[in-house]
Structure formats: C-alpha cells, structure tokens
C-alpha atoms as a PDB file:
ATOM      1  CA  UNK A   1      89.305 118.728 -55.280  1.00  0.00           C
ATOM      2  CA  UNK A   2      88.693 115.699 -53.094  1.00  0.00           C
ATOM      3  CA  UNK A   3      85.252 115.240 -54.668  1.00  0.00           C
ATOM      4  CA  UNK A   4      86.836 115.410 -58.133  1.00  0.00           C
ATOM      5  CA  UNK A   5      89.303 112.711 -57.121  1.00  0.00           C
ATOM      6  CA  UNK A   6      86.479 110.572 -55.741  1.00  0.00           C
ATOM      7  CA  UNK A   7      84.699 110.571 -59.106  1.00  0.00           C
ATOM      8  CA  UNK A   8      88.002 109.912 -60.872  1.00  0.00           C
ATOM      9  CA  UNK A   9      88.750 107.055 -58.465  1.00  0.00           C
ATOM     10  CA  UNK A  10      85.333 105.409 -58.847  1.00  0.00           C
ATOM     11  CA  UNK A  11      85.600 105.678 -62.639  1.00  0.00           C
ATOM     12  CA  UNK A  12      88.922 103.834 -62.484  1.00  0.00           C
ATOM     13  CA  UNK A  13      87.722 101.229 -59.950  1.00  0.00           C
ATOM     14  CA  UNK A  14      84.473  99.672 -61.131  1.00  0.00           C
ATOM     15  CA  UNK A  15      84.436  97.023 -58.385  1.00  0.00           C
ATOM     16  CA  UNK A  16      84.612  99.658 -55.641  1.00  0.00           C
ATOM     17  CA  UNK A  17      81.912 101.666 -57.405  1.00  0.00           C
ATOM     18  CA  UNK A  18      79.686  98.576 -57.453  1.00  0.00           C
ATOM     19  CA  UNK A  19      80.347  98.090 -53.736  1.00  0.00           C
ATOM     20  CA  UNK A  20      79.354 101.687 -53.045  1.00  0.00           C
ATOM     21  CA  UNK A  21      76.049 101.138 -54.878  1.00  0.00           C
ATOM     22  CA  UNK A  22      75.416  98.078 -52.699  1.00  0.00           C
ATOM     23  CA  UNK A  23      76.003 100.142 -49.553  1.00  0.00           C
ATOM     24  CA  UNK A  24      73.593 102.852 -50.736  1.00  0.00           C
ATOM     25  CA  UNK A  25      70.928 100.234 -51.460  1.00  0.00           C
ATOM     26  CA  UNK A  26      71.538  98.715 -48.027  1.00  0.00           C
ATOM     27  CA  UNK A  27      71.046 102.099 -46.361  1.00  0.00           C
ATOM     28  CA  UNK A  28      67.821 102.544 -48.333  1.00  0.00           C
ATOM     29  CA  UNK A  29      66.489  99.201 -47.092  1.00  0.00           C
ATOM     30  CA  UNK A  30      67.487 100.061 -43.522  1.00  0.00           C
ATOM     31  CA  UNK A  31      65.459 103.268 -43.772  1.00  0.00           C
ATOM     32  CA  UNK A  32      62.316 102.009 -45.493  1.00  0.00           C
ATOM     33  CA  UNK A  33      62.628  98.233 -45.850  1.00  0.00           C
ATOM     34  CA  UNK A  34      60.030  97.148 -43.269  1.00  0.00           C
ATOM     35  CA  UNK A  35      57.498  99.567 -44.798  1.00  0.00           C
ATOM     36  CA  UNK A  36      57.739  98.440 -48.439  1.00  0.00           C
ATOM     37  CA  UNK A  37      57.721  94.653 -48.066  1.00  0.00           C
ATOM     38  CA  UNK A  38      54.547  92.850 -49.240  1.00  0.00           C
ATOM     39  CA  UNK A  39      54.026  90.880 -45.992  1.00  0.00           C
ATOM     40  CA  UNK A  40      54.789  91.305 -42.336  1.00  0.00           C
ATOM     41  CA  UNK A  41      58.257  89.823 -41.730  1.00  0.00           C
ATOM     42  CA  UNK A  42      57.060  88.176 -38.516  1.00  0.00           C
ATOM     43  CA  UNK A  43      53.614  86.938 -39.641  1.00  0.00           C
ATOM     44  CA  UNK A  44      53.245  83.147 -39.338  1.00  0.00           C
ATOM     45  CA  UNK A  45      50.962  81.125 -41.626  1.00  0.00           C
ATOM     46  CA  UNK A  46      50.486  77.391 -41.132  1.00  0.00           C
ATOM     47  CA  UNK A  47      48.761  77.124 -44.524  1.00  0.00           C
ATOM     48  CA  UNK A  48      51.743  78.583 -46.428  1.00  0.00           C
ATOM     49  CA  UNK A  49      54.645  76.556 -45.074  1.00  0.00           C
ATOM     50  CA  UNK A  50      57.626  75.952 -47.399  1.00  0.00           C
ATOM     51  CA  UNK A  51      56.044  77.375 -50.534  1.00  0.00           C
ATOM     52  CA  UNK A  52      58.432  77.607 -53.498  1.00  0.00           C
ATOM     53  CA  UNK A  53      59.256  81.029 -55.014  1.00  0.00           C
ATOM     54  CA  UNK A  54      56.276  82.375 -56.970  1.00  0.00           C
ATOM     55  CA  UNK A  55      54.574  85.582 -58.017  1.00  0.00           C
ATOM     56  CA  UNK A  56      52.939  85.764 -54.589  1.00  0.00           C
ATOM     57  CA  UNK A  57      56.066  84.925 -52.588  1.00  0.00           C
ATOM     58  CA  UNK A  58      59.116  85.974 -54.608  1.00  0.00           C
ATOM     59  CA  UNK A  59      61.615  84.090 -52.407  1.00  0.00           C
ATOM     60  CA  UNK A  60      59.156  81.460 -51.173  1.00  0.00           C
ATOM     61  CA  UNK A  61      58.194  80.862 -47.535  1.00  0.00           C
ATOM     62  CA  UNK A  62      59.937  79.156 -44.635  1.00  0.00           C
ATOM     63  CA  UNK A  63      58.912  76.381 -42.260  1.00  0.00           C
ATOM     64  CA  UNK A  64      56.727  78.816 -40.301  1.00  0.00           C
ATOM     65  CA  UNK A  65      54.996  80.112 -43.422  1.00  0.00           C
ATOM     66  CA  UNK A  66      56.748  83.494 -43.201  1.00  0.00           C
ATOM     67  CA  UNK A  67      57.535  85.314 -46.449  1.00  0.00           C
ATOM     68  CA  UNK A  68      61.296  85.038 -47.004  1.00  0.00           C
ATOM     69  CA  UNK A  69      61.576  88.123 -49.236  1.00  0.00           C
ATOM     70  CA  UNK A  70      59.946  90.292 -46.576  1.00  0.00           C
ATOM     71  CA  UNK A  71      62.215  88.841 -43.889  1.00  0.00           C
ATOM     72  CA  UNK A  72      65.369  89.254 -45.989  1.00  0.00           C
ATOM     73  CA  UNK A  73      64.638  92.939 -46.614  1.00  0.00           C
ATOM     74  CA  UNK A  74      63.583  93.612 -43.008  1.00  0.00           C
ATOM     75  CA  UNK A  75      66.786  91.917 -41.800  1.00  0.00           C
ATOM     76  CA  UNK A  76      68.864  94.812 -43.169  1.00  0.00           C
ATOM     77  CA  UNK A  77      67.744  96.936 -40.243  1.00  0.00           C
ATOM     78  CA  UNK A  78      68.675  94.502 -37.461  1.00  0.00           C
ATOM     79  CA  UNK A  79      71.901  93.186 -39.033  1.00  0.00           C
ATOM     80  CA  UNK A  80      73.317  96.562 -40.016  1.00  0.00           C
ATOM     81  CA  UNK A  81      72.251  98.208 -36.771  1.00  0.00           C
ATOM     82  CA  UNK A  82      74.030  95.564 -34.672  1.00  0.00           C
ATOM     83  CA  UNK A  83      77.149  95.669 -36.867  1.00  0.00           C
ATOM     84  CA  UNK A  84      77.286  99.490 -36.922  1.00  0.00           C
ATOM     85  CA  UNK A  85      76.807 100.007 -33.183  1.00  0.00           C
ATOM     86  CA  UNK A  86      79.367  97.305 -32.353  1.00  0.00           C
ATOM     87  CA  UNK A  87      81.896  98.771 -34.797  1.00  0.00           C
ATOM     88  CA  UNK A  88      81.220 102.335 -33.632  1.00  0.00           C
ATOM     89  CA  UNK A  89      81.833 101.410 -29.987  1.00  0.00           C
ATOM     90  CA  UNK A  90      85.079  99.714 -31.014  1.00  0.00           C
ATOM     91  CA  UNK A  91      86.166 102.830 -32.913  1.00  0.00           C
ATOM     92  CA  UNK A  92      85.280 105.248 -30.102  1.00  0.00           C
ATOM     93  CA  UNK A  93      87.223 103.171 -27.582  1.00  0.00           C
ATOM     94  CA  UNK A  94      89.974 101.769 -29.778  1.00  0.00           C
ATOM     95  CA  UNK A  95      90.969 105.007 -31.541  1.00  0.00           C
ATOM     96  CA  UNK A  96      91.925 107.092 -28.475  1.00  0.00           C
ATOM     97  CA  UNK A  97      93.394 104.076 -26.650  1.00  0.00           C
ATOM     98  CA  UNK A  98      95.509 103.264 -29.714  1.00  0.00           C
ATOM     99  CA  UNK A  99      96.805 106.834 -29.842  1.00  0.00           C
ATOM    100  CA  UNK A 100      97.684 106.633 -26.143  1.00  0.00           C
ATOM    101  CA  UNK A 101      99.472 103.321 -26.606  1.00  0.00           C
ATOM    102  CA  UNK A 102     101.329 104.468 -29.712  1.00  0.00           C
ATOM    103  CA  UNK A 103     102.431 107.763 -28.196  1.00  0.00           C
ATOM    104  CA  UNK A 104     103.671 106.426 -24.863  1.00  0.00           C
ATOM    105  CA  UNK A 105     104.822 102.939 -25.915  1.00  0.00           C
ATOM    106  CA  UNK A 106     108.531 102.530 -25.181  1.00  0.00           C
ATOM    107  CA  UNK A 107     108.838 105.889 -23.379  1.00  0.00           C
ATOM    108  CA  UNK A 108     109.041 104.468 -19.860  1.00  0.00           C
ATOM    109  CA  UNK A 109     107.299 105.869 -16.811  1.00  0.00           C
ATOM    110  CA  UNK A 110     103.786 105.053 -15.648  1.00  0.00           C
ATOM    111  CA  UNK A 111     102.212 105.868 -19.036  1.00  0.00           C
ATOM    112  CA  UNK A 112     104.691 103.625 -20.823  1.00  0.00           C
ATOM    113  CA  UNK A 113     103.921 100.798 -18.384  1.00  0.00           C
ATOM    114  CA  UNK A 114     100.162 101.225 -18.934  1.00  0.00           C
ATOM    115  CA  UNK A 115     100.696 101.168 -22.709  1.00  0.00           C
ATOM    116  CA  UNK A 116     102.587  97.880 -22.418  1.00  0.00           C
ATOM    117  CA  UNK A 117      99.859  96.361 -20.237  1.00  0.00           C
ATOM    118  CA  UNK A 118      97.184  97.384 -22.762  1.00  0.00           C
ATOM    119  CA  UNK A 119      99.117  95.707 -25.578  1.00  0.00           C
ATOM    120  CA  UNK A 120      99.334  92.468 -23.572  1.00  0.00           C
ATOM    121  CA  UNK A 121      95.605  92.624 -22.779  1.00  0.00           C
ATOM    122  CA  UNK A 122      94.638  92.946 -26.447  1.00  0.00           C
ATOM    123  CA  UNK A 123      96.913  89.989 -27.227  1.00  0.00           C
ATOM    124  CA  UNK A 124      94.841  87.936 -24.785  1.00  0.00           C
ATOM    125  CA  UNK A 125      91.544  89.220 -26.234  1.00  0.00           C
ATOM    126  CA  UNK A 126      92.591  88.324 -29.775  1.00  0.00           C
ATOM    127  CA  UNK A 127      93.661  84.840 -28.669  1.00  0.00           C
ATOM    128  CA  UNK A 128      90.311  84.096 -26.976  1.00  0.00           C
ATOM    129  CA  UNK A 129      87.592  82.713 -29.321  1.00  0.00           C
ATOM    130  CA  UNK A 130      84.675  85.156 -29.430  1.00  0.00           C
ATOM    131  CA  UNK A 131      82.169  82.380 -30.047  1.00  0.00           C
ATOM    132  CA  UNK A 132      83.102  80.817 -26.675  1.00  0.00           C
ATOM    133  CA  UNK A 133      82.645  84.171 -24.965  1.00  0.00           C
ATOM    134  CA  UNK A 134      79.290  84.473 -26.717  1.00  0.00           C
ATOM    135  CA  UNK A 135      78.116  81.132 -25.364  1.00  0.00           C
ATOM    136  CA  UNK A 136      79.213  82.170 -21.868  1.00  0.00           C
ATOM    137  CA  UNK A 137      77.210  85.397 -22.180  1.00  0.00           C
ATOM    138  CA  UNK A 138      74.143  83.462 -23.276  1.00  0.00           C
ATOM    139  CA  UNK A 139      74.505  81.120 -20.306  1.00  0.00           C
ATOM    140  CA  UNK A 140      74.726  84.069 -17.932  1.00  0.00           C
ATOM    141  CA  UNK A 141      72.420  86.676 -19.450  1.00  0.00           C
ATOM    142  CA  UNK A 142      70.405  84.928 -22.163  1.00  0.00           C
ATOM    143  CA  UNK A 143      70.468  85.392 -25.929  1.00  0.00           C
ATOM    144  CA  UNK A 144      69.838  88.740 -27.579  1.00  0.00           C
ATOM    145  CA  UNK A 145      71.227  91.462 -29.853  1.00  0.00           C
ATOM    146  CA  UNK A 146      73.002  93.349 -27.037  1.00  0.00           C
ATOM    147  CA  UNK A 147      75.279  90.350 -26.483  1.00  0.00           C
ATOM    148  CA  UNK A 148      76.250  90.456 -30.151  1.00  0.00           C
ATOM    149  CA  UNK A 149      76.951  94.200 -30.056  1.00  0.00           C
ATOM    150  CA  UNK A 150      79.209  93.655 -27.050  1.00  0.00           C
ATOM    151  CA  UNK A 151      81.052  90.805 -28.768  1.00  0.00           C
ATOM    152  CA  UNK A 152      81.520  92.749 -32.025  1.00  0.00           C
ATOM    153  CA  UNK A 153      82.946  95.657 -30.022  1.00  0.00           C
ATOM    154  CA  UNK A 154      85.291  93.358 -28.101  1.00  0.00           C
ATOM    155  CA  UNK A 155      86.395  91.692 -31.333  1.00  0.00           C
ATOM    156  CA  UNK A 156      87.130  94.979 -33.117  1.00  0.00           C
ATOM    157  CA  UNK A 157      88.676  97.036 -30.310  1.00  0.00           C
ATOM    158  CA  UNK A 158      92.119  95.334 -30.609  1.00  0.00           C
ATOM    159  CA  UNK A 159      92.204  95.974 -34.370  1.00  0.00           C
ATOM    160  CA  UNK A 160      91.302  99.644 -33.866  1.00  0.00           C
ATOM    161  CA  UNK A 161      93.932  99.999 -31.147  1.00  0.00           C
ATOM    162  CA  UNK A 162      96.660  98.467 -33.299  1.00  0.00           C
ATOM    163  CA  UNK A 163      95.752 100.589 -36.327  1.00  0.00           C
ATOM    164  CA  UNK A 164      95.663 103.831 -34.312  1.00  0.00           C
ATOM    165  CA  UNK A 165      98.929 102.835 -32.628  1.00  0.00           C
ATOM    166  CA  UNK A 166     100.625 102.292 -36.003  1.00  0.00           C
ATOM    167  CA  UNK A 167      99.438 105.685 -37.242  1.00  0.00           C
ATOM    168  CA  UNK A 168     100.591 107.352 -34.024  1.00  0.00           C
ATOM    169  CA  UNK A 169     104.043 105.783 -34.187  1.00  0.00           C
ATOM    170  CA  UNK A 170     104.447 107.318 -37.636  1.00  0.00           C
ATOM    171  CA  UNK A 171     103.328 110.773 -36.399  1.00  0.00           C
ATOM    172  CA  UNK A 172     104.804 111.199 -32.932  1.00  0.00           C
ATOM    173  CA  UNK A 173     108.198 112.409 -34.190  1.00  0.00           C
ATOM    174  CA  UNK A 174     106.887 114.733 -36.915  1.00  0.00           C
ATOM    175  CA  UNK A 175     107.750 118.430 -36.933  1.00  0.00           C
ATOM    176  CA  UNK A 176     104.306 119.589 -35.775  1.00  0.00           C
ATOM    177  CA  UNK A 177     104.658 117.386 -32.686  1.00  0.00           C
ATOM    178  CA  UNK A 178     108.139 118.750 -31.966  1.00  0.00           C
ATOM    179  CA  UNK A 179     106.763 122.275 -32.364  1.00  0.00           C
ATOM    180  CA  UNK A 180     104.023 121.524 -29.835  1.00  0.00           C
ATOM    181  CA  UNK A 181     106.624 120.231 -27.347  1.00  0.00           C
ATOM    182  CA  UNK A 182     108.698 123.366 -27.863  1.00  0.00           C
ATOM    183  CA  UNK A 183     105.655 125.445 -26.873  1.00  0.00           C
ATOM    184  CA  UNK A 184     105.461 123.605 -23.565  1.00  0.00           C
ATOM    185  CA  UNK A 185     102.291 121.637 -24.340  1.00  0.00           C
ATOM    186  CA  UNK A 186     101.967 118.564 -22.133  1.00  0.00           C
ATOM    187  CA  UNK A 187     102.484 115.099 -23.584  1.00  0.00           C
ATOM    188  CA  UNK A 188      98.853 114.100 -22.966  1.00  0.00           C
ATOM    189  CA  UNK A 189      97.543 117.173 -24.824  1.00  0.00           C
ATOM    190  CA  UNK A 190      99.929 116.508 -27.719  1.00  0.00           C
ATOM    191  CA  UNK A 191      98.664 112.930 -27.979  1.00  0.00           C
ATOM    192  CA  UNK A 192      94.966 113.753 -27.982  1.00  0.00           C
ATOM    193  CA  UNK A 193      94.835 117.259 -29.473  1.00  0.00           C
ATOM    194  CA  UNK A 194      97.574 117.022 -32.095  1.00  0.00           C
ATOM    195  CA  UNK A 195      98.009 113.363 -33.036  1.00  0.00           C
ATOM    196  CA  UNK A 196      94.496 111.945 -32.551  1.00  0.00           C
ATOM    197  CA  UNK A 197      92.819 114.175 -35.195  1.00  0.00           C
ATOM    198  CA  UNK A 198      95.581 113.283 -37.676  1.00  0.00           C
ATOM    199  CA  UNK A 199      95.460 109.534 -37.071  1.00  0.00           C
ATOM    200  CA  UNK A 200      91.715 108.963 -36.826  1.00  0.00           C
ATOM    201  CA  UNK A 201      91.047 108.868 -40.592  1.00  0.00           C
ATOM    202  CA  UNK A 202      92.299 105.296 -40.974  1.00  0.00           C
ATOM    203  CA  UNK A 203      90.274 104.216 -37.940  1.00  0.00           C
ATOM    204  CA  UNK A 204      87.121 105.718 -39.469  1.00  0.00           C
ATOM    205  CA  UNK A 205      87.813 103.831 -42.703  1.00  0.00           C
ATOM    206  CA  UNK A 206      88.195 100.662 -40.640  1.00  0.00           C
ATOM    207  CA  UNK A 207      84.631 101.113 -39.346  1.00  0.00           C
ATOM    208  CA  UNK A 208      83.238 100.156 -42.756  1.00  0.00           C
ATOM    209  CA  UNK A 209      85.301  96.970 -42.851  1.00  0.00           C
ATOM    210  CA  UNK A 210      84.228  96.268 -39.267  1.00  0.00           C
ATOM    211  CA  UNK A 211      80.646  96.391 -40.532  1.00  0.00           C
ATOM    212  CA  UNK A 212      81.365  93.385 -42.744  1.00  0.00           C
ATOM    213  CA  UNK A 213      82.848  91.495 -39.813  1.00  0.00           C
ATOM    214  CA  UNK A 214      79.884  92.484 -37.655  1.00  0.00           C
ATOM    215  CA  UNK A 215      77.336  91.209 -40.182  1.00  0.00           C
ATOM    216  CA  UNK A 216      79.125  87.884 -40.522  1.00  0.00           C
ATOM    217  CA  UNK A 217      79.591  87.528 -36.774  1.00  0.00           C
ATOM    218  CA  UNK A 218      75.936  88.359 -36.103  1.00  0.00           C
ATOM    219  CA  UNK A 219      74.929  85.688 -38.601  1.00  0.00           C
ATOM    220  CA  UNK A 220      77.383  83.173 -37.158  1.00  0.00           C
ATOM    221  CA  UNK A 221      76.353  83.533 -33.534  1.00  0.00           C
ATOM    222  CA  UNK A 222      72.653  83.567 -34.482  1.00  0.00           C
ATOM    223  CA  UNK A 223      73.261  80.438 -36.562  1.00  0.00           C
ATOM    224  CA  UNK A 224      74.288  78.519 -33.435  1.00  0.00           C
ATOM    225  CA  UNK A 225      71.301  79.869 -31.496  1.00  0.00           C
ATOM    226  CA  UNK A 226      73.220  82.296 -29.271  1.00  0.00           C
ATOM    227  CA  UNK A 227      72.174  85.540 -30.926  1.00  0.00           C
ATOM    228  CA  UNK A 228      68.962  86.949 -32.360  1.00  0.00           C
ATOM    229  CA  UNK A 229      65.940  84.745 -31.719  1.00  0.00           C
ATOM    230  CA  UNK A 230      62.844  83.795 -33.757  1.00  0.00           C
ATOM    231  CA  UNK A 231      60.744  85.488 -35.091  1.00  0.00           C
ATOM    232  CA  UNK A 232      63.122  88.464 -35.502  1.00  0.00           C
ATOM    233  CA  UNK A 233      64.238  88.686 -39.172  1.00  0.00           C
ATOM    234  CA  UNK A 234      68.014  88.146 -39.227  1.00  0.00           C
ATOM    235  CA  UNK A 235      70.080  86.601 -42.027  1.00  0.00           C
ATOM    236  CA  UNK A 236      72.054  84.120 -39.931  1.00  0.00           C
ATOM    237  CA  UNK A 237      68.932  82.971 -38.137  1.00  0.00           C
ATOM    238  CA  UNK A 238      67.169  82.432 -41.480  1.00  0.00           C
ATOM    239  CA  UNK A 239      70.128  80.484 -42.868  1.00  0.00           C
ATOM    240  CA  UNK A 240      70.207  78.336 -39.743  1.00  0.00           C
ATOM    241  CA  UNK A 241      66.466  77.642 -39.899  1.00  0.00           C
ATOM    242  CA  UNK A 242      66.584  76.941 -43.636  1.00  0.00           C
ATOM    243  CA  UNK A 243      69.624  74.665 -43.618  1.00  0.00           C
ATOM    244  CA  UNK A 244      67.568  71.663 -42.509  1.00  0.00           C
ATOM    245  CA  UNK A 245      65.095  72.204 -45.355  1.00  0.00           C
ATOM    246  CA  UNK A 246      67.781  72.451 -48.060  1.00  0.00           C
ATOM    247  CA  UNK A 247      68.569  68.747 -47.813  1.00  0.00           C
ATOM    248  CA  UNK A 248      64.903  67.951 -48.477  1.00  0.00           C
ATOM    249  CA  UNK A 249      64.726  70.158 -51.562  1.00  0.00           C
ATOM    250  CA  UNK A 250      63.550  73.508 -50.166  1.00  0.00           C
ATOM    251  CA  UNK A 251      66.713  75.290 -51.331  1.00  0.00           C
ATOM    252  CA  UNK A 252      65.217  78.795 -51.195  1.00  0.00           C
ATOM    253  CA  UNK A 253      64.904  78.859 -47.404  1.00  0.00           C
ATOM    254  CA  UNK A 254      68.634  79.458 -46.874  1.00  0.00           C
ATOM    255  CA  UNK A 255      69.856  80.497 -50.333  1.00  0.00           C
ATOM    256  CA  UNK A 256      68.341  83.977 -50.549  1.00  0.00           C
ATOM    257  CA  UNK A 257      69.355  85.126 -47.039  1.00  0.00           C
ATOM    258  CA  UNK A 258      72.870  83.839 -47.753  1.00  0.00           C
ATOM    259  CA  UNK A 259      73.121  85.731 -51.044  1.00  0.00           C
ATOM    260  CA  UNK A 260      71.923  89.010 -49.542  1.00  0.00           C
ATOM    261  CA  UNK A 261      74.276  88.665 -46.574  1.00  0.00           C
ATOM    262  CA  UNK A 262      77.282  87.912 -48.801  1.00  0.00           C
ATOM    263  CA  UNK A 263      76.570  90.789 -51.192  1.00  0.00           C
ATOM    264  CA  UNK A 264      76.134  93.245 -48.313  1.00  0.00           C
ATOM    265  CA  UNK A 265      79.394  92.184 -46.668  1.00  0.00           C
ATOM    266  CA  UNK A 266      81.129  92.629 -50.028  1.00  0.00           C
ATOM    267  CA  UNK A 267      79.666  96.135 -50.366  1.00  0.00           C
ATOM    268  CA  UNK A 268      80.930  97.324 -46.988  1.00  0.00           C
ATOM    269  CA  UNK A 269      84.340  95.781 -47.608  1.00  0.00           C
ATOM    270  CA  UNK A 270      84.580  97.764 -50.846  1.00  0.00           C
ATOM    271  CA  UNK A 271      83.440 100.929 -49.047  1.00  0.00           C
ATOM    272  CA  UNK A 272      86.261 100.451 -46.562  1.00  0.00           C
ATOM    273  CA  UNK A 273      88.706 100.139 -49.455  1.00  0.00           C
ATOM    274  CA  UNK A 274      87.306 103.314 -51.044  1.00  0.00           C
ATOM    275  CA  UNK A 275      87.673 105.314 -47.820  1.00  0.00           C
ATOM    276  CA  UNK A 276      91.214 103.999 -47.276  1.00  0.00           C
ATOM    277  CA  UNK A 277      92.263 104.977 -50.791  1.00  0.00           C
ATOM    278  CA  UNK A 278      90.609 108.408 -50.686  1.00  0.00           C
ATOM    279  CA  UNK A 279      92.562 109.453 -47.588  1.00  0.00           C
ATOM    280  CA  UNK A 280      95.845 108.079 -48.967  1.00  0.00           C
ATOM    281  CA  UNK A 281      97.661 110.856 -50.878  1.00  0.00           C
ATOM    282  CA  UNK A 282      99.915 108.294 -52.599  1.00  0.00           C
ATOM    283  CA  UNK A 283      96.879 106.736 -54.276  1.00  0.00           C
ATOM    284  CA  UNK A 284      96.456 109.830 -56.431  1.00  0.00           C
ATOM    285  CA  UNK A 285      99.991 109.424 -57.780  1.00  0.00           C
ATOM    286  CA  UNK A 286      99.477 105.706 -58.303  1.00  0.00           C
ATOM    287  CA  UNK A 287      96.313 106.275 -60.355  1.00  0.00           C
ATOM    288  CA  UNK A 288      97.838 109.165 -62.306  1.00  0.00           C
ATOM    289  CA  UNK A 289      95.347 111.734 -61.047  1.00  0.00           C
ATOM    290  CA  UNK A 290      95.855 115.308 -62.236  1.00  0.00           C
ATOM    291  CA  UNK A 291      93.959 118.288 -60.837  1.00  0.00           C
END
C-alpha cells in the first residue's frame, strides 16, 4: 500500500517527482561518472587553456586546460560522498542523543541534568560559525575532505538532536510507553528500544536535506581555499577558480559547475520532502488518497 501511495503522491507532486529524477541521475553519475567522461578530470593541458564550449569540449576548459564537463561529472562522486558521510555521522550520533534528551529532559536526576547540559552545548555549537571552525582546522591540520566531513557532521548534529527530541517528546507519554513501564522495563531500555525505532523516521528523512546542506557547505569552504584542493574535481573549487575568469569573458568556467551544484541541491531537498510526506499519515488525508 505504501508503494501505491508513493506513485499517487509523485503523480500529484510533479516538482518532487522531478527532484527524485535528479537524485537518481546524481547516483548514476556517482557510480559511473569518472568512467564515462571524455577526458581525464585531472589532466592539465597548457595548449587548451580557457577554450569556449565546443563539440570537443562541451563545457569548455578552465585556466589549467582541464575539460570542465569531465570535471563537473566527476565532482558528483567527491561532493556527494562528503555530504553523505557527514550527514550520516550526524544522523547516527544525533538520533540516539536526541531520543535521550527528549526522554529525560525535565525529569530530574542525573539523566535529566545530562539532557539539559547537552541542550546547552548544542546551543553553543549552533551559535559558532562553522566557517571559522573550518579555518581553525585548516591552520592546525591542513586542508582536505576529512575536515569538511567533520564540519558537516558538527553542523548537522544539533538539528538531528532537536528533531529526534521533538519526536520523542510526542511519544514518551503514549500508551505503548506506559505499557512498557508497567512491565518493569527500565527507562533507558524504553528510550532506546521502544521510542528510538518510532522516532527515527523523521531523522532519516532529514539526512536527504542534510545532503543539500553538505553539498553547499563543501562548495563554500572549498571556495575560500579551506576544503578540497586542486586538481580534485569539486564544484565549489571550480566555481572559485572560474570566478576570476568570468569578469574577463570566460563565463563557462564557473557557470556550469554552479548550475550542476544548484540542481543537485534542489533534487536532494525535494527527496527530503518526499520522504517526510511519505511517512506522514496525515498527508494521505490531505491529498485525498484512497486505498
């Protein structure tokens, strides 16, 4: 029945369906992109610097003579990998911690105190600019993709915690929780064996939206030179390198990476909306779905 509703939902929501197609294409390019491009994405050519788009170089070449189309397609793998791993770490940590915080928040005792401390810590994390933390990491450990993964995880953990906490607050007084207490099950087991499986769906849906944030953040921190380094194909790095050429007329150097990045972020945002709606039983009533 859920599959039937999914088809019904996508038929009613053309924009979300378009976003899902974008995600599927993105996954395809992650899997086979580097193997189907016409040129090596890291091959330099002094003789082919800043060539305009043509039949030989569909998106033109950059200042180093590298084929922009090949680099744009190959960038799917690095950008989506960084965004996915960062978001996944945030979900794995933030989901259970959010359930703990939501279940014990306001209950007093040592667990209640720990829950309050965690909430104050995530307030501090959300108030601290991630880009500043990124520059500090570069100063201490050098630039690289692992710094970005760490920063994406740090940036998304508070959101995952708050979402899981909200779901837990809505569940902790339900009848199935009261029944578990009546059976003598400990509070910790109730939180992680009863509530966590029932609250994790929204956190999983958030992972897709976190992918969009991760892609944009990867591009942003690479743009300022604190992330992925040349010659690795990465959208933000290509936009940064091409920005200087745009003012001299070589518009293609930054335009195509920017378009592909924006479309991909849109696709994952729509996927997050699809997942959120599919696990919301009220959405079926809203759309007038009948079995």
